[in-house]
């Protein structure tokens, strides 16, 4: 009879472990999504806006150029070396 109770306890711990792993993976995906939006958010917004203008029959050249500029800015930020000193200086600028 005692073995049945101990097996049930092990099963409960395994379920809890699986849920914890799932939560950690979900949190990592959320952090990656936030980072991607912070770097490429303006580019994506400009591109979607340009598509909407073009579909509506309006010339979207200026919006497309804005998307290119934002994309180049995001690419430049992506190759910069990051450390604690540069993080502090970026926070002071904002």
PDB file of N, CA and C in Angstrom:
ATOM      1  N   UNK A   1       0.815  -1.183   0.000  1.00  0.00           N
ATOM      2  CA  UNK A   1       0.000   0.000   0.000  1.00  0.00           C
ATOM      3  C   UNK A   1       0.869   1.261   0.000  1.00  0.00           C
ATOM      4  N   UNK A   2       1.984   1.241   0.710  1.00  0.00           N
ATOM      5  CA  UNK A   2       2.852   2.407   0.766  1.00  0.00           C
ATOM      6  C   UNK A   2       3.497   2.698  -0.578  1.00  0.00           C
ATOM      7  N   UNK A   3       3.760   1.671  -1.385  1.00  0.00           N
ATOM      8  CA  UNK A   3       4.370   1.882  -2.692  1.00  0.00           C
ATOM      9  C   UNK A   3       3.432   2.657  -3.613  1.00  0.00           C
ATOM     10  N   UNK A   4       2.147   2.396  -3.540  1.00  0.00           N
ATOM     11  CA  UNK A   4       1.185   3.108  -4.381  1.00  0.00           C
ATOM     12  C   UNK A   4       1.200   4.599  -4.058  1.00  0.00           C
ATOM     13  N   UNK A   5       1.304   4.937  -2.785  1.00  0.00           N
ATOM     14  CA  UNK A   5       1.332   6.354  -2.417  1.00  0.00           C
ATOM     15  C   UNK A   5       2.625   7.009  -2.891  1.00  0.00           C
ATOM     16  N   UNK A   6       3.745   6.303  -2.787  1.00  0.00           N
ATOM     17  CA  UNK A   6       5.010   6.897  -3.200  1.00  0.00           C
ATOM     18  C   UNK A   6       5.051   7.081  -4.713  1.00  0.00           C
ATOM     19  N   UNK A   7       4.456   6.180  -5.478  1.00  0.00           N
ATOM     20  CA  UNK A   7       4.416   6.340  -6.927  1.00  0.00           C
ATOM     21  C   UNK A   7       3.567   7.549  -7.315  1.00  0.00           C
ATOM     22  N   UNK A   8       2.484   7.759  -6.610  1.00  0.00           N
ATOM     23  CA  UNK A   8       1.641   8.925  -6.908  1.00  0.00           C
ATOM     24  C   UNK A   8       2.401  10.222  -6.639  1.00  0.00           C
ATOM     25  N   UNK A   9       3.199  10.237  -5.594  1.00  0.00           N
ATOM     26  CA  UNK A   9       3.994  11.425  -5.281  1.00  0.00           C
ATOM     27  C   UNK A   9       5.016  11.722  -6.360  1.00  0.00           C
ATOM     28  N   UNK A  10       5.634  10.679  -6.916  1.00  0.00           N
ATOM     29  CA  UNK A  10       6.606  10.857  -7.993  1.00  0.00           C
ATOM     30  C   UNK A  10       5.918  11.413  -9.234  1.00  0.00           C
ATOM     31  N   UNK A  11       4.757  10.901  -9.550  1.00  0.00           N
ATOM     32  CA  UNK A  11       4.032  11.401 -10.719  1.00  0.00           C
ATOM     33  C   UNK A  11       3.691  12.881 -10.558  1.00  0.00           C
ATOM     34  N   UNK A  12       3.309  13.275  -9.390  1.00  0.00           N
ATOM     35  CA  UNK A  12       2.982  14.685  -9.165  1.00  0.00           C
ATOM     36  C   UNK A  12       4.204  15.575  -9.355  1.00  0.00           C
ATOM     37  N   UNK A  13       5.350  15.128  -8.867  1.00  0.00           N
ATOM     38  CA  UNK A  13       6.566  15.918  -9.033  1.00  0.00           C
ATOM     39  C   UNK A  13       6.951  16.025 -10.504  1.00  0.00           C
ATOM     40  N   UNK A  14       6.774  14.966 -11.275  1.00  0.00           N
ATOM     41  CA  UNK A  14       7.112  15.001 -12.690  1.00  0.00           C
ATOM     42  C   UNK A  14       6.197  15.963 -13.443  1.00  0.00           C
ATOM     43  N   UNK A  15       4.932  15.999 -13.101  1.00  0.00           N
ATOM     44  CA  UNK A  15       4.019  16.934 -13.754  1.00  0.00           C
ATOM     45  C   UNK A  15       4.424  18.371 -13.444  1.00  0.00           C
ATOM     46  N   UNK A  16       4.774  18.637 -12.208  1.00  0.00           N
ATOM     47  CA  UNK A  16       5.206  19.977 -11.814  1.00  0.00           C
ATOM     48  C   UNK A  16       6.484  20.383 -12.526  1.00  0.00           C
ATOM     49  N   UNK A  17       7.390  19.440 -12.703  1.00  0.00           N
ATOM     50  CA  UNK A  17       8.642  19.723 -13.400  1.00  0.00           C
ATOM     51  C   UNK A  17       8.361  20.070 -14.850  1.00  0.00           C
ATOM     52  N   UNK A  18       7.481  19.360 -15.502  1.00  0.00           N
ATOM     53  CA  UNK A  18       7.133  19.642 -16.894  1.00  0.00           C
ATOM     54  C   UNK A  18       6.517  21.017 -17.049  1.00  0.00           C
ATOM     55  N   UNK A  19       5.663  21.393 -16.116  1.00  0.00           N
ATOM     56  CA  UNK A  19       5.037  22.718 -16.171  1.00  0.00           C
ATOM     57  C   UNK A  19       6.075  23.811 -15.981  1.00  0.00           C
ATOM     58  N   UNK A  20       7.022  23.594 -15.075  1.00  0.00           N
ATOM     59  CA  UNK A  20       8.076  24.575 -14.844  1.00  0.00           C
ATOM     60  C   UNK A  20       8.925  24.757 -16.101  1.00  0.00           C
ATOM     61  N   UNK A  21       9.278  23.686 -16.758  1.00  0.00           N
ATOM     62  CA  UNK A  21      10.052  23.770 -17.993  1.00  0.00           C
ATOM     63  C   UNK A  21       9.267  24.504 -19.068  1.00  0.00           C
ATOM     64  N   UNK A  22       7.986  24.244 -19.158  1.00  0.00           N
ATOM     65  CA  UNK A  22       7.139  24.915 -20.138  1.00  0.00           C
ATOM     66  C   UNK A  22       7.104  26.417 -19.870  1.00  0.00           C
ATOM     67  N   UNK A  23       6.992  26.816 -18.628  1.00  0.00           N
ATOM     68  CA  UNK A  23       6.952  28.235 -18.266  1.00  0.00           C
ATOM     69  C   UNK A  23       8.278  28.911 -18.604  1.00  0.00           C
ATOM     70  N   UNK A  24       9.382  28.238 -18.338  1.00  0.00           N
ATOM     71  CA  UNK A  24      10.697  28.808 -18.648  1.00  0.00           C
ATOM     72  C   UNK A  24      10.857  28.997 -20.148  1.00  0.00           C
ATOM     73  N   UNK A  25      10.481  28.021 -20.934  1.00  0.00           N
ATOM     74  CA  UNK A  25      10.582  28.123 -22.393  1.00  0.00           C
ATOM     75  C   UNK A  25       9.696  29.251 -22.901  1.00  0.00           C
ATOM     76  N   UNK A  26       8.485  29.361 -22.376  1.00  0.00           N
ATOM     77  CA  UNK A  26       7.572  30.428 -22.784  1.00  0.00           C
ATOM     78  C   UNK A  26       8.154  31.795 -22.444  1.00  0.00           C
ATOM     79  N   UNK A  27       8.766  31.920 -21.277  1.00  0.00           N
ATOM     80  CA  UNK A  27       9.372  33.195 -20.880  1.00  0.00           C
ATOM     81  C   UNK A  27      10.531  33.562 -21.802  1.00  0.00           C
ATOM     82  N   UNK A  28      11.354  32.587 -22.176  1.00  0.00           N
ATOM     83  CA  UNK A  28      12.472  32.858 -23.087  1.00  0.00           C
ATOM     84  C   UNK A  28      11.977  33.304 -24.456  1.00  0.00           C
ATOM     85  N   UNK A  29      10.908  32.687 -24.947  1.00  0.00           N
ATOM     86  CA  UNK A  29      10.342  33.086 -26.232  1.00  0.00           C
ATOM     87  C   UNK A  29       9.794  34.510 -26.143  1.00  0.00           C
ATOM     88  N   UNK A  30       9.140  34.834 -25.039  1.00  0.00           N
ATOM     89  CA  UNK A  30       8.607  36.190 -24.855  1.00  0.00           C
ATOM     90  C   UNK A  30       9.721  37.225 -24.823  1.00  0.00           C
ATOM     91  N   UNK A  31      10.816  36.920 -24.154  1.00  0.00           N
ATOM     92  CA  UNK A  31      11.947  37.847 -24.090  1.00  0.00           C
ATOM     93  C   UNK A  31      12.547  38.055 -25.484  1.00  0.00           C
ATOM     94  N   UNK A  32      12.677  36.972 -26.249  1.00  0.00           N
ATOM     95  CA  UNK A  32      13.196  37.089 -27.609  1.00  0.00           C
ATOM     96  C   UNK A  32      12.256  37.915 -28.490  1.00  0.00           C
ATOM     97  N   UNK A  33      10.959  37.742 -28.325  1.00  0.00           N
ATOM     98  CA  UNK A  33       9.995  38.514 -29.112  1.00  0.00           C
ATOM     99  C   UNK A  33      10.065  39.992 -28.758  1.00  0.00           C
ATOM    100  N   UNK A  34      10.200  40.306 -27.486  1.00  0.00           N
ATOM    101  CA  UNK A  34      10.310  41.703 -27.060  1.00  0.00           C
ATOM    102  C   UNK A  34      11.569  42.342 -27.644  1.00  0.00           C
ATOM    103  N   UNK A  35      12.670  41.608 -27.626  1.00  0.00           N
ATOM    104  CA  UNK A  35      13.915  42.133 -28.196  1.00  0.00           C
ATOM    105  C   UNK A  35      13.774  42.366 -29.699  1.00  0.00           C
ATOM    106  N   UNK A  36      13.150  41.447 -30.410  1.00  0.00           N
ATOM    107  CA  UNK A  36      12.966  41.609 -31.855  1.00  0.00           C
ATOM    108  C   UNK A  36      12.082  42.807 -32.171  1.00  0.00           C
ATOM    109  N   UNK A  37      11.024  42.982 -31.419  1.00  0.00           N
ATOM    110  CA  UNK A  37      10.126  44.123 -31.656  1.00  0.00           C
ATOM    111  C   UNK A  37      10.836  45.431 -31.333  1.00  0.00           C
ATOM    112  N   UNK A  38      11.650  45.447 -30.296  1.00  0.00           N
ATOM    113  CA  UNK A  38      12.344  46.698 -29.948  1.00  0.00           C
ATOM    114  C   UNK A  38      13.350  47.091 -31.024  1.00  0.00           C
ATOM    115  N   UNK A  39      13.991  46.117 -31.673  1.00  0.00           N
ATOM    116  CA  UNK A  39      14.951  46.436 -32.728  1.00  0.00           C
ATOM    117  C   UNK A  39      14.279  46.698 -34.070  1.00  0.00           C
ATOM    118  N   UNK A  40      13.270  45.913 -34.410  1.00  0.00           N
ATOM    119  CA  UNK A  40      12.688  45.985 -35.747  1.00  0.00           C
ATOM    120  C   UNK A  40      11.262  46.509 -35.773  1.00  0.00           C
ATOM    121  N   UNK A  41      10.749  47.010 -34.665  1.00  0.00           N
ATOM    122  CA  UNK A  41       9.370  47.460 -34.598  1.00  0.00           C
ATOM    123  C   UNK A  41       9.048  48.583 -35.563  1.00  0.00           C
ATOM    124  N   UNK A  42       9.902  49.606 -35.607  1.00  0.00           N
ATOM    125  CA  UNK A  42       9.657  50.740 -36.496  1.00  0.00           C
ATOM    126  C   UNK A  42       9.714  50.306 -37.956  1.00  0.00           C
ATOM    127  N   UNK A  43      10.615  49.402 -38.280  1.00  0.00           N
ATOM    128  CA  UNK A  43      10.731  48.913 -39.656  1.00  0.00           C
ATOM    129  C   UNK A  43       9.467  48.183 -40.066  1.00  0.00           C
ATOM    130  N   UNK A  44       8.990  47.316 -39.219  1.00  0.00           N
ATOM    131  CA  UNK A  44       7.783  46.538 -39.534  1.00  0.00           C
ATOM    132  C   UNK A  44       6.573  47.453 -39.657  1.00  0.00           C
ATOM    133  N   UNK A  45       6.434  48.404 -38.737  1.00  0.00           N
ATOM    134  CA  UNK A  45       5.307  49.347 -38.818  1.00  0.00           C
ATOM    135  C   UNK A  45       5.347  50.129 -40.127  1.00  0.00           C
ATOM    136  N   UNK A  46       6.528  50.581 -40.529  1.00  0.00           N
ATOM    137  CA  UNK A  46       6.654  51.341 -41.774  1.00  0.00           C
ATOM    138  C   UNK A  46       6.323  50.478 -42.986  1.00  0.00           C
ATOM    139  N   UNK A  47       6.785  49.236 -42.985  1.00  0.00           N
ATOM    140  CA  UNK A  47       6.512  48.355 -44.117  1.00  0.00           C
ATOM    141  C   UNK A  47       5.028  48.042 -44.231  1.00  0.00           C
ATOM    142  N   UNK A  48       4.377  47.780 -43.109  1.00  0.00           N
ATOM    143  CA  UNK A  48       2.936  47.496 -43.135  1.00  0.00           C
ATOM    144  C   UNK A  48       2.166  48.743 -43.583  1.00  0.00           C
ATOM    145  N   UNK A  49       2.591  49.904 -43.109  1.00  0.00           N
ATOM    146  CA  UNK A  49       1.959  51.145 -43.541  1.00  0.00           C
ATOM    147  C   UNK A  49       2.115  51.377 -45.037  1.00  0.00           C
ATOM    148  N   UNK A  50       3.303  51.096 -45.559  1.00  0.00           N
ATOM    149  CA  UNK A  50       3.548  51.255 -46.993  1.00  0.00           C
ATOM    150  C   UNK A  50       2.682  50.296 -47.800  1.00  0.00           C
ATOM    151  N   UNK A  51       2.550  49.068 -47.329  1.00  0.00           N
ATOM    152  CA  UNK A  51       1.686  48.109 -48.046  1.00  0.00           C
ATOM    153  C   UNK A  51       0.248  48.591 -48.054  1.00  0.00           C
ATOM    154  N   UNK A  52      -0.206  49.132 -46.927  1.00  0.00           N
ATOM    155  CA  UNK A  52      -1.565  49.650 -46.860  1.00  0.00           C
ATOM    156  C   UNK A  52      -1.781  50.813 -47.809  1.00  0.00           C
ATOM    157  N   UNK A  53      -0.790  51.699 -47.895  1.00  0.00           N
ATOM    158  CA  UNK A  53      -0.905  52.831 -48.814  1.00  0.00           C
ATOM    159  C   UNK A  53      -0.936  52.366 -50.267  1.00  0.00           C
ATOM    160  N   UNK A  54      -0.050  51.438 -50.595  1.00  0.00           N
ATOM    161  CA  UNK A  54      -0.003  50.934 -51.965  1.00  0.00           C
ATOM    162  C   UNK A  54      -1.291  50.211 -52.338  1.00  0.00           C
ATOM    163  N   UNK A  55      -1.837  49.436 -51.407  1.00  0.00           N
ATOM    164  CA  UNK A  55      -3.106  48.746 -51.684  1.00  0.00           C
ATOM    165  C   UNK A  55      -4.256  49.736 -51.828  1.00  0.00           C
ATOM    166  N   UNK A  56      -4.160  50.860 -51.140  1.00  0.00           N
ATOM    167  CA  UNK A  56      -5.185  51.892 -51.237  1.00  0.00           C
ATOM    168  C   UNK A  56      -5.035  52.780 -52.460  1.00  0.00           C
ATOM    169  N   UNK A  57      -4.001  52.570 -53.247  1.00  0.00           N
ATOM    170  CA  UNK A  57      -3.808  53.340 -54.466  1.00  0.00           C
ATOM    171  C   UNK A  57      -2.998  54.606 -54.271  1.00  0.00           C
ATOM    172  N   UNK A  58      -2.349  54.769 -53.115  1.00  0.00           N
ATOM    173  CA  UNK A  58      -1.548  55.955 -52.825  1.00  0.00           C
ATOM    174  C   UNK A  58      -0.071  55.626 -52.987  1.00  0.00           C
ATOM    175  N   UNK A  59       0.703  56.601 -53.440  1.00  0.00           N
ATOM    176  CA  UNK A  59       2.146  56.414 -53.570  1.00  0.00           C
ATOM    177  C   UNK A  59       2.764  56.337 -52.170  1.00  0.00           C
ATOM    178  N   UNK A  60       3.528  55.316 -51.906  1.00  0.00           N
ATOM    179  CA  UNK A  60       4.095  55.092 -50.573  1.00  0.00           C
ATOM    180  C   UNK A  60       5.612  55.190 -50.580  1.00  0.00           C
ATOM    181  N   UNK A  61       6.169  55.946 -51.491  1.00  0.00           N
ATOM    182  CA  UNK A  61       7.620  56.040 -51.604  1.00  0.00           C
ATOM    183  C   UNK A  61       8.256  56.562 -50.321  1.00  0.00           C
ATOM    184  N   UNK A  62       7.677  57.593 -49.719  1.00  0.00           N
ATOM    185  CA  UNK A  62       8.276  58.158 -48.504  1.00  0.00           C
ATOM    186  C   UNK A  62       8.213  57.159 -47.344  1.00  0.00           C
ATOM    187  N   UNK A  63       7.116  56.417 -47.250  1.00  0.00           N
ATOM    188  CA  UNK A  63       6.989  55.415 -46.186  1.00  0.00           C
ATOM    189  C   UNK A  63       7.968  54.270 -46.407  1.00  0.00           C
ATOM    190  N   UNK A  64       8.163  53.876 -47.650  1.00  0.00           N
ATOM    191  CA  UNK A  64       9.122  52.808 -47.966  1.00  0.00           C
ATOM    192  C   UNK A  64      10.537  53.268 -47.627  1.00  0.00           C
ATOM    193  N   UNK A  65      10.863  54.506 -47.950  1.00  0.00           N
ATOM    194  CA  UNK A  65      12.190  55.039 -47.609  1.00  0.00           C
ATOM    195  C   UNK A  65      12.383  55.106 -46.096  1.00  0.00           C
ATOM    196  N   UNK A  66      11.318  55.443 -45.363  1.00  0.00           N
ATOM    197  CA  UNK A  66      11.395  55.463 -43.901  1.00  0.00           C
ATOM    198  C   UNK A  66      11.668  54.054 -43.368  1.00  0.00           C
ATOM    199  N   UNK A  67      11.024  53.054 -43.955  1.00  0.00           N
ATOM    200  CA  UNK A  67      11.257  51.670 -43.542  1.00  0.00           C
ATOM    201  C   UNK A  67      12.699  51.256 -43.803  1.00  0.00           C
ATOM    202  N   UNK A  68      13.252  51.680 -44.923  1.00  0.00           N
ATOM    203  CA  UNK A  68      14.654  51.372 -45.238  1.00  0.00           C
ATOM    204  C   UNK A  68      15.584  52.018 -44.212  1.00  0.00           C
ATOM    205  N   UNK A  69      15.308  53.284 -43.877  1.00  0.00           N
ATOM    206  CA  UNK A  69      16.131  53.995 -42.901  1.00  0.00           C
ATOM    207  C   UNK A  69      16.087  53.304 -41.543  1.00  0.00           C
ATOM    208  N   UNK A  70      14.890  52.922 -41.108  1.00  0.00           N
ATOM    209  CA  UNK A  70      14.748  52.233 -39.822  1.00  0.00           C
ATOM    210  C   UNK A  70      15.440  50.871 -39.847  1.00  0.00           C
ATOM    211  N   UNK A  71      15.352  50.173 -40.969  1.00  0.00           N
ATOM    212  CA  UNK A  71      16.023  48.880 -41.096  1.00  0.00           C
ATOM    213  C   UNK A  71      17.529  49.019 -41.014  1.00  0.00           C
ATOM    214  N   UNK A  72      18.071  50.029 -41.658  1.00  0.00           N
ATOM    215  CA  UNK A  72      19.518  50.272 -41.592  1.00  0.00           C
ATOM    216  C   UNK A  72      19.939  50.649 -40.178  1.00  0.00           C
ATOM    217  N   UNK A  73      19.119  51.431 -39.494  1.00  0.00           N
ATOM    218  CA  UNK A  73      19.421  51.800 -38.106  1.00  0.00           C
ATOM    219  C   UNK A  73      19.429  50.569 -37.199  1.00  0.00           C
ATOM    220  N   UNK A  74      18.454  49.691 -37.393  1.00  0.00           N
ATOM    221  CA  UNK A  74      18.399  48.460 -36.585  1.00  0.00           C
ATOM    222  C   UNK A  74      19.593  47.565 -36.875  1.00  0.00           C
ATOM    223  N   UNK A  75      20.001  47.487 -38.145  1.00  0.00           N
ATOM    224  CA  UNK A  75      21.158  46.663 -38.502  1.00  0.00           C
ATOM    225  C   UNK A  75      22.431  47.226 -37.875  1.00  0.00           C
ATOM    226  N   UNK A  76      22.563  48.545 -37.845  1.00  0.00           N
ATOM    227  CA  UNK A  76      23.750  49.167 -37.245  1.00  0.00           C
ATOM    228  C   UNK A  76      23.791  48.902 -35.745  1.00  0.00           C
ATOM    229  N   UNK A  77      22.649  48.974 -35.085  1.00  0.00           N
ATOM    230  CA  UNK A  77      22.608  48.690 -33.647  1.00  0.00           C
ATOM    231  C   UNK A  77      22.903  47.228 -33.357  1.00  0.00           C
ATOM    232  N   UNK A  78      22.556  46.348 -34.277  1.00  0.00           N
ATOM    233  CA  UNK A  78      22.757  44.917 -34.064  1.00  0.00           C
ATOM    234  C   UNK A  78      24.207  44.492 -34.075  1.00  0.00           C
ATOM    235  N   UNK A  79      25.070  45.235 -34.779  1.00  0.00           N
ATOM    236  CA  UNK A  79      26.476  44.844 -34.866  1.00  0.00           C
ATOM    237  C   UNK A  79      27.354  45.573 -33.859  1.00  0.00           C
ATOM    238  N   UNK A  80      26.771  46.521 -33.106  1.00  0.00           N
ATOM    239  CA  UNK A  80      27.555  47.239 -32.101  1.00  0.00           C
ATOM    240  C   UNK A  80      27.914  46.319 -30.947  1.00  0.00           C
ATOM    241  N   UNK A  81      29.089  46.549 -30.370  1.00  0.00           N
ATOM    242  CA  UNK A  81      29.509  45.804 -29.191  1.00  0.00           C
ATOM    243  C   UNK A  81      28.759  46.348 -27.983  1.00  0.00           C
ATOM    244  N   UNK A  82      28.180  45.460 -27.219  1.00  0.00           N
ATOM    245  CA  UNK A  82      27.404  45.867 -26.050  1.00  0.00           C
ATOM    246  C   UNK A  82      28.112  45.418 -24.781  1.00  0.00           C
ATOM    247  N   UNK A  83      28.201  46.318 -23.821  1.00  0.00           N
ATOM    248  CA  UNK A  83      28.676  45.985 -22.485  1.00  0.00           C
ATOM    249  C   UNK A  83      27.943  46.886 -21.501  1.00  0.00           C
ATOM    250  N   UNK A  84      28.277  46.816 -20.251  1.00  0.00           N
ATOM    251  CA  UNK A  84      27.561  47.598 -19.250  1.00  0.00           C
ATOM    252  C   UNK A  84      27.762  49.099 -19.421  1.00  0.00           C
ATOM    253  N   UNK A  85      28.929  49.521 -19.889  1.00  0.00           N
ATOM    254  CA  UNK A  85      29.178  50.950 -20.086  1.00  0.00           C
ATOM    255  C   UNK A  85      28.308  51.500 -21.216  1.00  0.00           C
ATOM    256  N   UNK A  86      28.207  50.786 -22.317  1.00  0.00           N
ATOM    257  CA  UNK A  86      27.381  51.278 -23.426  1.00  0.00           C
ATOM    258  C   UNK A  86      25.904  51.214 -23.059  1.00  0.00           C
ATOM    259  N   UNK A  87      25.506  50.252 -22.259  1.00  0.00           N
ATOM    260  CA  UNK A  87      24.107  50.182 -21.817  1.00  0.00           C
ATOM    261  C   UNK A  87      23.758  51.407 -20.994  1.00  0.00           C
ATOM    262  N   UNK A  88      24.628  51.795 -20.104  1.00  0.00           N
ATOM    263  CA  UNK A  88      24.375  52.968 -19.262  1.00  0.00           C
ATOM    264  C   UNK A  88      24.280  54.217 -20.122  1.00  0.00           C
ATOM    265  N   UNK A  89      25.171  54.382 -21.097  1.00  0.00           N
ATOM    266  CA  UNK A  89      25.147  55.590 -21.923  1.00  0.00           C
ATOM    267  C   UNK A  89      23.883  55.640 -22.779  1.00  0.00           C
ATOM    268  N   UNK A  90      23.384  54.503 -23.259  1.00  0.00           N
ATOM    269  CA  UNK A  90      22.150  54.482 -24.032  1.00  0.00           C
ATOM    270  C   UNK A  90      20.956  54.872 -23.164  1.00  0.00           C
ATOM    271  N   UNK A  91      20.926  54.448 -21.914  1.00  0.00           N
ATOM    272  CA  UNK A  91      19.844  54.789 -21.012  1.00  0.00           C
ATOM    273  C   UNK A  91      19.849  56.287 -20.705  1.00  0.00           C
ATOM    274  N   UNK A  92      21.007  56.887 -20.586  1.00  0.00           N
ATOM    275  CA  UNK A  92      21.079  58.303 -20.300  1.00  0.00           C
ATOM    276  C   UNK A  92      20.599  59.132 -21.482  1.00  0.00           C
ATOM    277  N   UNK A  93      20.818  58.630 -22.700  1.00  0.00           N
ATOM    278  CA  UNK A  93      20.400  59.341 -23.909  1.00  0.00           C
ATOM    279  C   UNK A  93      18.880  59.373 -23.999  1.00  0.00           C
ATOM    280  N   UNK A  94      18.245  58.276 -23.659  1.00  0.00           N
ATOM    281  CA  UNK A  94      16.800  58.192 -23.761  1.00  0.00           C
ATOM    282  C   UNK A  94      16.194  58.955 -22.628  1.00  0.00           C
TER     283      UNK A  94
END
